[in-house]
N, C-alpha and C. Protein backbone atom coordinates (compact mmCIF):
# COMPACT_ATOMS: atom_id res chain seq x y z
N MET A 1 28.81 -12.32 7.23
CA MET A 1 27.39 -12.63 7.18
C MET A 1 26.74 -12.05 8.44
N ALA A 2 25.73 -11.19 8.24
CA ALA A 2 25.05 -10.53 9.36
C ALA A 2 24.15 -11.51 10.10
N ILE A 3 24.08 -11.34 11.41
CA ILE A 3 23.22 -12.20 12.22
C ILE A 3 22.20 -11.32 12.93
N GLU A 4 20.94 -11.71 12.87
CA GLU A 4 19.86 -10.97 13.52
C GLU A 4 19.04 -11.97 14.33
N ASN A 5 18.89 -11.69 15.61
CA ASN A 5 18.15 -12.59 16.51
C ASN A 5 18.63 -14.04 16.41
N GLY A 6 19.93 -14.22 16.27
CA GLY A 6 20.48 -15.57 16.22
C GLY A 6 20.34 -16.25 14.87
N ARG A 7 19.84 -15.56 13.88
CA ARG A 7 19.67 -16.15 12.54
C ARG A 7 20.51 -15.38 11.55
N THR A 8 21.01 -16.07 10.55
CA THR A 8 21.77 -15.39 9.51
C THR A 8 20.81 -14.65 8.60
N ALA A 9 21.31 -13.59 8.01
CA ALA A 9 20.50 -12.77 7.11
C ALA A 9 20.00 -13.59 5.93
N GLN A 10 20.73 -14.62 5.54
CA GLN A 10 20.32 -15.44 4.40
C GLN A 10 19.07 -16.28 4.73
N GLU A 11 18.85 -16.60 5.98
CA GLU A 11 17.66 -17.37 6.36
C GLU A 11 16.42 -16.49 6.42
N MET A 12 16.61 -15.19 6.59
CA MET A 12 15.50 -14.26 6.74
C MET A 12 14.95 -13.87 5.37
N GLU A 13 13.64 -13.64 5.33
CA GLU A 13 13.01 -13.05 4.16
C GLU A 13 12.50 -11.69 4.59
N ARG A 14 12.21 -10.82 3.61
CA ARG A 14 11.77 -9.48 3.95
C ARG A 14 10.50 -9.13 3.19
N LEU A 15 9.57 -8.55 3.93
CA LEU A 15 8.30 -8.11 3.34
C LEU A 15 8.18 -6.60 3.45
N SER A 16 7.65 -6.01 2.41
CA SER A 16 7.25 -4.61 2.47
C SER A 16 5.82 -4.61 3.02
N ILE A 17 5.60 -3.93 4.14
CA ILE A 17 4.30 -3.92 4.81
C ILE A 17 3.54 -2.66 4.43
N PHE A 18 2.28 -2.85 4.03
CA PHE A 18 1.44 -1.71 3.67
C PHE A 18 0.03 -1.94 4.17
N GLU A 19 -0.73 -0.87 4.21
CA GLU A 19 -2.10 -0.93 4.69
C GLU A 19 -3.05 -0.69 3.53
N LEU A 20 -4.13 -1.48 3.52
CA LEU A 20 -5.16 -1.35 2.50
C LEU A 20 -6.49 -1.76 3.13
N GLY A 21 -7.45 -0.87 3.12
CA GLY A 21 -8.76 -1.19 3.67
C GLY A 21 -8.74 -1.56 5.14
N GLY A 22 -7.83 -0.96 5.91
CA GLY A 22 -7.76 -1.23 7.33
C GLY A 22 -7.03 -2.52 7.70
N LYS A 23 -6.49 -3.22 6.71
CA LYS A 23 -5.75 -4.46 6.97
C LYS A 23 -4.29 -4.26 6.58
N LEU A 24 -3.42 -5.03 7.21
CA LEU A 24 -2.00 -5.01 6.86
C LEU A 24 -1.70 -6.12 5.88
N PHE A 25 -0.94 -5.78 4.85
CA PHE A 25 -0.51 -6.75 3.85
C PHE A 25 0.99 -6.67 3.71
N GLY A 26 1.57 -7.76 3.24
CA GLY A 26 2.99 -7.78 2.98
C GLY A 26 3.26 -8.41 1.63
N LEU A 27 4.30 -7.94 0.99
CA LEU A 27 4.74 -8.56 -0.25
C LEU A 27 6.25 -8.61 -0.25
N ASP A 28 6.77 -9.63 -0.89
CA ASP A 28 8.21 -9.81 -0.98
C ASP A 28 8.81 -8.55 -1.60
N ILE A 29 9.82 -7.99 -0.96
CA ILE A 29 10.39 -6.74 -1.45
C ILE A 29 10.97 -6.89 -2.85
N LEU A 30 11.29 -8.10 -3.26
CA LEU A 30 11.84 -8.32 -4.59
C LEU A 30 10.80 -8.13 -5.69
N ASN A 31 9.51 -8.14 -5.34
CA ASN A 31 8.45 -7.97 -6.32
C ASN A 31 8.03 -6.52 -6.53
N SER A 32 8.54 -5.62 -5.72
CA SER A 32 8.17 -4.22 -5.89
C SER A 32 9.33 -3.45 -6.51
N ARG A 33 9.03 -2.76 -7.58
CA ARG A 33 10.06 -1.96 -8.23
C ARG A 33 10.36 -0.71 -7.41
N GLU A 34 9.29 -0.04 -6.99
CA GLU A 34 9.45 1.17 -6.19
C GLU A 34 8.11 1.57 -5.60
N VAL A 35 8.17 2.50 -4.67
CA VAL A 35 7.00 3.07 -4.03
C VAL A 35 7.00 4.56 -4.34
N ILE A 36 5.84 5.07 -4.78
CA ILE A 36 5.73 6.49 -5.12
C ILE A 36 4.47 7.08 -4.47
N SER A 37 4.47 8.39 -4.32
CA SER A 37 3.25 9.08 -3.90
C SER A 37 2.25 8.97 -5.04
N LEU A 38 0.97 9.14 -4.71
CA LEU A 38 -0.07 9.07 -5.73
C LEU A 38 0.24 10.05 -6.86
N PRO A 39 0.45 9.54 -8.07
CA PRO A 39 0.77 10.44 -9.19
C PRO A 39 -0.51 11.03 -9.78
N ASN A 40 -0.33 12.04 -10.63
CA ASN A 40 -1.47 12.49 -11.43
C ASN A 40 -1.83 11.35 -12.35
N TYR A 41 -3.10 11.06 -12.47
CA TYR A 41 -3.51 9.94 -13.31
C TYR A 41 -4.73 10.34 -14.12
N THR A 42 -4.96 9.59 -15.20
CA THR A 42 -6.10 9.82 -16.07
C THR A 42 -7.10 8.71 -15.81
N PRO A 43 -8.31 9.05 -15.35
CA PRO A 43 -9.32 8.01 -15.14
C PRO A 43 -9.69 7.32 -16.46
N LEU A 44 -10.07 6.06 -16.37
CA LEU A 44 -10.47 5.30 -17.55
C LEU A 44 -11.98 5.08 -17.50
N PRO A 45 -12.73 5.78 -18.35
CA PRO A 45 -14.18 5.57 -18.34
C PRO A 45 -14.53 4.16 -18.83
N ASN A 46 -15.62 3.63 -18.34
CA ASN A 46 -16.14 2.32 -18.75
C ASN A 46 -15.16 1.18 -18.48
N SER A 47 -14.31 1.32 -17.47
CA SER A 47 -13.40 0.22 -17.13
C SER A 47 -13.87 -0.41 -15.83
N ALA A 48 -13.34 -1.56 -15.54
CA ALA A 48 -13.71 -2.28 -14.31
C ALA A 48 -13.35 -1.45 -13.08
N ASP A 49 -14.03 -1.75 -11.97
CA ASP A 49 -13.81 -1.01 -10.73
C ASP A 49 -12.36 -1.02 -10.27
N ILE A 50 -11.65 -2.08 -10.56
CA ILE A 50 -10.29 -2.16 -10.05
C ILE A 50 -9.32 -1.25 -10.79
N PHE A 51 -9.69 -0.81 -11.99
CA PHE A 51 -8.81 0.07 -12.77
C PHE A 51 -9.21 1.52 -12.52
N SER A 52 -8.40 2.22 -11.75
CA SER A 52 -8.68 3.61 -11.41
C SER A 52 -8.25 4.55 -12.52
N GLY A 53 -7.31 4.13 -13.33
CA GLY A 53 -6.82 4.97 -14.41
C GLY A 53 -5.45 4.52 -14.86
N VAL A 54 -4.77 5.43 -15.53
CA VAL A 54 -3.39 5.20 -15.98
C VAL A 54 -2.56 6.41 -15.58
N PHE A 55 -1.27 6.18 -15.39
CA PHE A 55 -0.37 7.29 -15.06
C PHE A 55 0.93 7.13 -15.81
N HIS A 56 1.62 8.25 -15.96
CA HIS A 56 2.87 8.34 -16.70
C HIS A 56 4.01 8.49 -15.69
N LEU A 57 5.04 7.68 -15.83
CA LEU A 57 6.20 7.77 -14.95
C LEU A 57 7.46 7.49 -15.76
N ARG A 58 8.31 8.47 -15.87
CA ARG A 58 9.60 8.35 -16.57
C ARG A 58 9.46 7.70 -17.96
N GLY A 59 8.54 8.20 -18.74
CA GLY A 59 8.41 7.73 -20.12
C GLY A 59 7.57 6.47 -20.31
N GLU A 60 7.07 5.90 -19.24
CA GLU A 60 6.23 4.69 -19.32
C GLU A 60 4.83 5.00 -18.81
N ILE A 61 3.84 4.28 -19.33
CA ILE A 61 2.47 4.41 -18.87
C ILE A 61 2.09 3.13 -18.15
N TYR A 62 1.52 3.28 -16.94
CA TYR A 62 1.17 2.14 -16.11
C TYR A 62 -0.31 2.21 -15.71
N PRO A 63 -0.95 1.06 -15.55
CA PRO A 63 -2.31 1.07 -15.01
C PRO A 63 -2.27 1.32 -13.50
N LEU A 64 -3.22 2.10 -13.01
CA LEU A 64 -3.38 2.34 -11.59
C LEU A 64 -4.50 1.43 -11.12
N VAL A 65 -4.16 0.48 -10.25
CA VAL A 65 -5.07 -0.62 -9.91
C VAL A 65 -5.41 -0.60 -8.42
N ASP A 66 -6.70 -0.77 -8.14
CA ASP A 66 -7.18 -0.95 -6.77
C ASP A 66 -7.52 -2.43 -6.61
N VAL A 67 -6.69 -3.17 -5.89
CA VAL A 67 -6.92 -4.61 -5.73
C VAL A 67 -7.90 -4.92 -4.60
N SER A 68 -8.41 -3.91 -3.92
CA SER A 68 -9.34 -4.13 -2.81
C SER A 68 -10.50 -5.06 -3.18
N PRO A 69 -11.23 -4.81 -4.29
CA PRO A 69 -12.35 -5.69 -4.63
C PRO A 69 -11.92 -7.14 -4.92
N VAL A 70 -10.73 -7.31 -5.47
CA VAL A 70 -10.21 -8.66 -5.74
C VAL A 70 -10.03 -9.41 -4.42
N LEU A 71 -9.60 -8.67 -3.39
CA LEU A 71 -9.34 -9.26 -2.08
C LEU A 71 -10.58 -9.35 -1.19
N GLY A 72 -11.72 -8.92 -1.74
CA GLY A 72 -12.96 -8.98 -0.96
C GLY A 72 -13.15 -7.79 -0.05
N LEU A 73 -12.41 -6.73 -0.27
CA LEU A 73 -12.53 -5.51 0.51
C LEU A 73 -13.36 -4.49 -0.27
N PRO A 74 -13.94 -3.50 0.40
CA PRO A 74 -14.68 -2.46 -0.32
C PRO A 74 -13.75 -1.70 -1.27
N PRO A 75 -14.27 -1.21 -2.39
CA PRO A 75 -13.42 -0.41 -3.30
C PRO A 75 -12.79 0.77 -2.55
N LYS A 76 -11.59 1.08 -2.92
CA LYS A 76 -10.83 2.13 -2.26
C LYS A 76 -11.30 3.51 -2.72
N LYS A 77 -11.47 4.40 -1.78
CA LYS A 77 -11.72 5.80 -2.10
C LYS A 77 -10.34 6.47 -2.14
N ILE A 78 -9.99 6.98 -3.29
CA ILE A 78 -8.66 7.54 -3.47
C ILE A 78 -8.53 8.84 -2.68
N GLN A 79 -7.42 8.92 -1.91
CA GLN A 79 -7.10 10.08 -1.08
C GLN A 79 -5.78 10.68 -1.57
N PRO A 80 -5.59 11.99 -1.39
CA PRO A 80 -4.34 12.63 -1.87
C PRO A 80 -3.07 12.06 -1.26
N ASP A 81 -3.15 11.48 -0.04
CA ASP A 81 -1.94 10.95 0.60
C ASP A 81 -1.72 9.46 0.34
N ASP A 82 -2.49 8.87 -0.57
CA ASP A 82 -2.31 7.46 -0.93
C ASP A 82 -0.94 7.25 -1.57
N MET A 83 -0.51 6.01 -1.54
CA MET A 83 0.77 5.63 -2.14
C MET A 83 0.51 4.61 -3.24
N VAL A 84 1.49 4.42 -4.10
CA VAL A 84 1.41 3.45 -5.19
C VAL A 84 2.67 2.60 -5.14
N ILE A 85 2.47 1.29 -5.19
CA ILE A 85 3.60 0.36 -5.27
C ILE A 85 3.63 -0.18 -6.69
N LEU A 86 4.74 0.01 -7.37
CA LEU A 86 4.89 -0.57 -8.71
C LEU A 86 5.28 -2.02 -8.55
N LEU A 87 4.40 -2.90 -9.00
CA LEU A 87 4.60 -4.35 -8.88
C LEU A 87 4.94 -4.94 -10.23
N ASP A 88 5.86 -5.87 -10.21
CA ASP A 88 6.35 -6.53 -11.42
C ASP A 88 6.06 -8.02 -11.31
N ASP A 89 5.43 -8.59 -12.35
CA ASP A 89 5.14 -10.02 -12.30
C ASP A 89 6.23 -10.87 -12.95
N MET A 90 7.39 -10.29 -13.16
CA MET A 90 8.57 -10.96 -13.71
C MET A 90 8.44 -11.27 -15.21
N SER A 91 7.37 -10.79 -15.85
CA SER A 91 7.27 -10.96 -17.30
C SER A 91 7.05 -9.59 -17.96
N ASP A 92 7.60 -8.57 -17.33
CA ASP A 92 7.50 -7.19 -17.81
C ASP A 92 6.10 -6.62 -17.76
N PHE A 93 5.20 -7.24 -17.02
CA PHE A 93 3.87 -6.69 -16.78
C PHE A 93 3.94 -5.96 -15.45
N VAL A 94 3.74 -4.65 -15.47
CA VAL A 94 3.87 -3.84 -14.27
C VAL A 94 2.56 -3.11 -14.03
N ILE A 95 2.12 -3.10 -12.77
CA ILE A 95 0.96 -2.32 -12.39
C ILE A 95 1.33 -1.40 -11.24
N GLY A 96 0.59 -0.34 -11.10
CA GLY A 96 0.72 0.54 -9.95
C GLY A 96 -0.43 0.22 -9.00
N MET A 97 -0.13 -0.42 -7.88
CA MET A 97 -1.15 -0.83 -6.93
C MET A 97 -1.36 0.28 -5.89
N LEU A 98 -2.60 0.74 -5.80
CA LEU A 98 -2.96 1.75 -4.81
C LEU A 98 -2.96 1.17 -3.41
N VAL A 99 -2.37 1.87 -2.46
CA VAL A 99 -2.41 1.46 -1.05
C VAL A 99 -2.66 2.69 -0.19
N ASP A 100 -3.18 2.46 1.01
CA ASP A 100 -3.47 3.56 1.91
C ASP A 100 -2.19 4.14 2.52
N LYS A 101 -1.30 3.25 2.93
CA LYS A 101 -0.12 3.68 3.68
C LYS A 101 0.96 2.62 3.59
N ILE A 102 2.21 3.07 3.55
CA ILE A 102 3.36 2.16 3.60
C ILE A 102 3.85 2.17 5.04
N HIS A 103 4.10 0.97 5.60
CA HIS A 103 4.55 0.90 6.98
C HIS A 103 6.06 0.72 7.10
N SER A 104 6.58 -0.41 6.71
CA SER A 104 7.99 -0.69 6.94
C SER A 104 8.39 -1.94 6.16
N VAL A 105 9.63 -2.33 6.37
CA VAL A 105 10.10 -3.63 5.87
C VAL A 105 10.18 -4.53 7.09
N LEU A 106 9.62 -5.73 6.96
CA LEU A 106 9.56 -6.67 8.08
C LEU A 106 10.38 -7.91 7.74
N PRO A 107 11.51 -8.11 8.44
CA PRO A 107 12.25 -9.37 8.26
C PRO A 107 11.54 -10.48 9.04
N PHE A 108 11.51 -11.67 8.46
CA PHE A 108 10.88 -12.80 9.15
C PHE A 108 11.52 -14.09 8.67
N LEU A 109 11.34 -15.11 9.47
CA LEU A 109 11.78 -16.45 9.10
C LEU A 109 10.60 -17.17 8.47
N PRO A 110 10.80 -17.91 7.39
CA PRO A 110 9.70 -18.62 6.76
C PRO A 110 8.91 -19.50 7.73
N ALA A 111 9.55 -20.03 8.75
CA ALA A 111 8.86 -20.88 9.72
C ALA A 111 7.83 -20.10 10.56
N GLU A 112 7.95 -18.78 10.60
CA GLU A 112 7.00 -17.96 11.36
C GLU A 112 5.69 -17.76 10.61
N GLN A 113 5.69 -18.04 9.33
CA GLN A 113 4.51 -17.85 8.49
C GLN A 113 3.48 -18.94 8.77
N LYS A 114 2.23 -18.55 8.95
CA LYS A 114 1.12 -19.47 9.20
C LYS A 114 0.26 -19.59 7.94
N MET A 115 -0.43 -20.70 7.81
CA MET A 115 -1.36 -20.89 6.69
C MET A 115 -2.55 -19.94 6.87
N PRO A 116 -3.09 -19.38 5.79
CA PRO A 116 -4.17 -18.40 5.91
C PRO A 116 -5.55 -19.00 6.18
N ARG A 117 -5.71 -20.30 5.92
CA ARG A 117 -7.03 -20.93 6.07
C ARG A 117 -7.58 -20.71 7.47
N GLY A 118 -8.81 -20.21 7.53
CA GLY A 118 -9.47 -19.97 8.80
C GLY A 118 -9.14 -18.62 9.41
N ILE A 119 -8.14 -17.93 8.87
CA ILE A 119 -7.74 -16.63 9.38
C ILE A 119 -8.24 -15.51 8.46
N VAL A 120 -8.29 -15.80 7.17
CA VAL A 120 -8.73 -14.79 6.19
C VAL A 120 -10.03 -15.26 5.54
N SER A 121 -10.72 -14.34 4.88
CA SER A 121 -11.96 -14.68 4.19
C SER A 121 -11.68 -15.64 3.03
N LYS A 122 -12.70 -16.37 2.61
CA LYS A 122 -12.56 -17.31 1.49
C LYS A 122 -12.08 -16.60 0.24
N GLN A 123 -12.64 -15.40 -0.04
CA GLN A 123 -12.25 -14.68 -1.25
C GLN A 123 -10.79 -14.26 -1.18
N MET A 124 -10.35 -13.83 -0.02
CA MET A 124 -8.97 -13.38 0.13
C MET A 124 -7.99 -14.56 0.13
N GLU A 125 -8.44 -15.71 0.58
CA GLU A 125 -7.58 -16.88 0.73
C GLU A 125 -6.85 -17.25 -0.56
N SER A 126 -7.49 -17.04 -1.71
CA SER A 126 -6.87 -17.37 -3.00
C SER A 126 -5.65 -16.51 -3.30
N PHE A 127 -5.56 -15.35 -2.66
CA PHE A 127 -4.50 -14.41 -3.00
C PHE A 127 -3.52 -14.17 -1.85
N VAL A 128 -3.68 -14.93 -0.77
CA VAL A 128 -2.79 -14.80 0.39
C VAL A 128 -2.10 -16.14 0.61
N LYS A 129 -0.77 -16.12 0.61
CA LYS A 129 -0.05 -17.39 0.78
C LYS A 129 0.31 -17.68 2.22
N GLY A 130 0.09 -16.72 3.10
CA GLY A 130 0.37 -16.95 4.51
C GLY A 130 0.08 -15.70 5.31
N VAL A 131 0.15 -15.85 6.62
CA VAL A 131 -0.02 -14.72 7.53
C VAL A 131 1.10 -14.72 8.56
N LEU A 132 1.41 -13.54 9.02
CA LEU A 132 2.38 -13.35 10.11
C LEU A 132 1.72 -12.48 11.15
N TYR A 133 2.15 -12.63 12.38
CA TYR A 133 1.67 -11.75 13.42
C TYR A 133 2.69 -10.64 13.59
N TYR A 134 2.22 -9.41 13.44
CA TYR A 134 3.05 -8.21 13.44
C TYR A 134 3.12 -7.65 14.86
N HIS A 135 4.26 -7.26 15.31
CA HIS A 135 4.53 -6.74 16.65
C HIS A 135 4.51 -7.88 17.67
N GLN A 136 5.06 -7.63 18.79
CA GLN A 136 5.17 -8.68 19.79
C GLN A 136 3.84 -9.00 20.45
N ASP A 137 2.87 -8.08 20.39
CA ASP A 137 1.58 -8.38 21.02
C ASP A 137 0.75 -9.35 20.17
N LYS A 138 1.21 -9.60 18.97
CA LYS A 138 0.58 -10.56 18.06
C LYS A 138 -0.90 -10.27 17.81
N GLN A 139 -1.26 -8.99 17.87
CA GLN A 139 -2.64 -8.62 17.64
C GLN A 139 -2.89 -8.18 16.20
N GLN A 140 -1.85 -7.82 15.48
CA GLN A 140 -2.02 -7.41 14.10
C GLN A 140 -1.55 -8.53 13.17
N VAL A 141 -2.39 -8.87 12.22
CA VAL A 141 -2.07 -9.91 11.26
C VAL A 141 -1.60 -9.28 9.96
N VAL A 142 -0.49 -9.76 9.43
CA VAL A 142 0.00 -9.33 8.12
C VAL A 142 -0.37 -10.43 7.13
N HIS A 143 -1.13 -10.06 6.11
CA HIS A 143 -1.54 -10.99 5.06
C HIS A 143 -0.47 -10.95 3.96
N ILE A 144 0.22 -12.05 3.75
CA ILE A 144 1.30 -12.09 2.75
C ILE A 144 0.68 -12.40 1.39
N LEU A 145 0.75 -11.41 0.50
CA LEU A 145 0.13 -11.57 -0.81
C LEU A 145 0.88 -12.55 -1.68
N ASP A 146 0.13 -13.35 -2.41
CA ASP A 146 0.66 -14.24 -3.42
C ASP A 146 0.50 -13.51 -4.75
N LEU A 147 1.55 -12.83 -5.18
CA LEU A 147 1.44 -11.99 -6.37
C LEU A 147 1.19 -12.80 -7.64
N ASN A 148 1.67 -14.04 -7.70
CA ASN A 148 1.37 -14.86 -8.87
C ASN A 148 -0.13 -15.06 -9.02
N SER A 149 -0.81 -15.35 -7.94
CA SER A 149 -2.27 -15.50 -7.97
C SER A 149 -2.96 -14.18 -8.25
N LEU A 150 -2.47 -13.12 -7.65
CA LEU A 150 -3.07 -11.80 -7.84
C LEU A 150 -2.98 -11.37 -9.30
N PHE A 151 -1.83 -11.59 -9.92
CA PHE A 151 -1.66 -11.21 -11.32
C PHE A 151 -2.50 -12.08 -12.26
N ARG A 152 -2.96 -13.23 -11.79
CA ARG A 152 -3.82 -14.10 -12.61
C ARG A 152 -5.30 -13.93 -12.28
N ALA A 153 -5.64 -13.00 -11.39
CA ALA A 153 -7.04 -12.78 -11.01
C ALA A 153 -7.84 -12.38 -12.25
N LYS A 154 -9.02 -12.99 -12.40
CA LYS A 154 -9.80 -12.74 -13.61
C LYS A 154 -10.15 -11.27 -13.78
N GLN A 155 -10.33 -10.53 -12.67
CA GLN A 155 -10.65 -9.11 -12.77
C GLN A 155 -9.50 -8.33 -13.40
N LEU A 156 -8.28 -8.80 -13.16
CA LEU A 156 -7.10 -8.11 -13.67
C LEU A 156 -6.78 -8.53 -15.10
N VAL A 157 -6.79 -9.81 -15.38
CA VAL A 157 -6.40 -10.28 -16.72
C VAL A 157 -7.49 -10.06 -17.76
N ALA A 158 -8.70 -9.75 -17.33
CA ALA A 158 -9.79 -9.52 -18.30
C ALA A 158 -9.49 -8.34 -19.19
N HIS A 159 -8.60 -7.46 -18.77
CA HIS A 159 -8.32 -6.26 -19.56
C HIS A 159 -6.98 -6.34 -20.28
N TYR A 160 -6.32 -7.49 -20.23
CA TYR A 160 -5.01 -7.61 -20.90
C TYR A 160 -4.97 -8.78 -21.83
């Protein structure tokens, strides 16, 4: 059993850290199928702002989703160097979430997680289950996404 900073690996959880709208977010690595570069996609006319289009990957078609407006952030302007995280809600519903940049995997102890109330906006609070302070200077906040809430967001489920 591996030990890191005096803790066993089994006590640690791991987040995939990414950037969106100038903020850092984290999600449990078990909820992401994979990370890919921005694929060629087909825009969807007359769809909600969060749906940028659809893309084809290994025989499957996935929605390309910008969750920025759901989180209370300005809509994302798609850039060629953007990344996509394939997220799975454990019921075979998969979306490709647009992000600005992938940072790293961050191991943490659940006790290090703080409640988001008072740290994040009211709109974002519904979709963030906690925050962590990233780096030792504790100046960067990582917003830990609650994917169950995100997948139930009315903007997302309105189209399914």
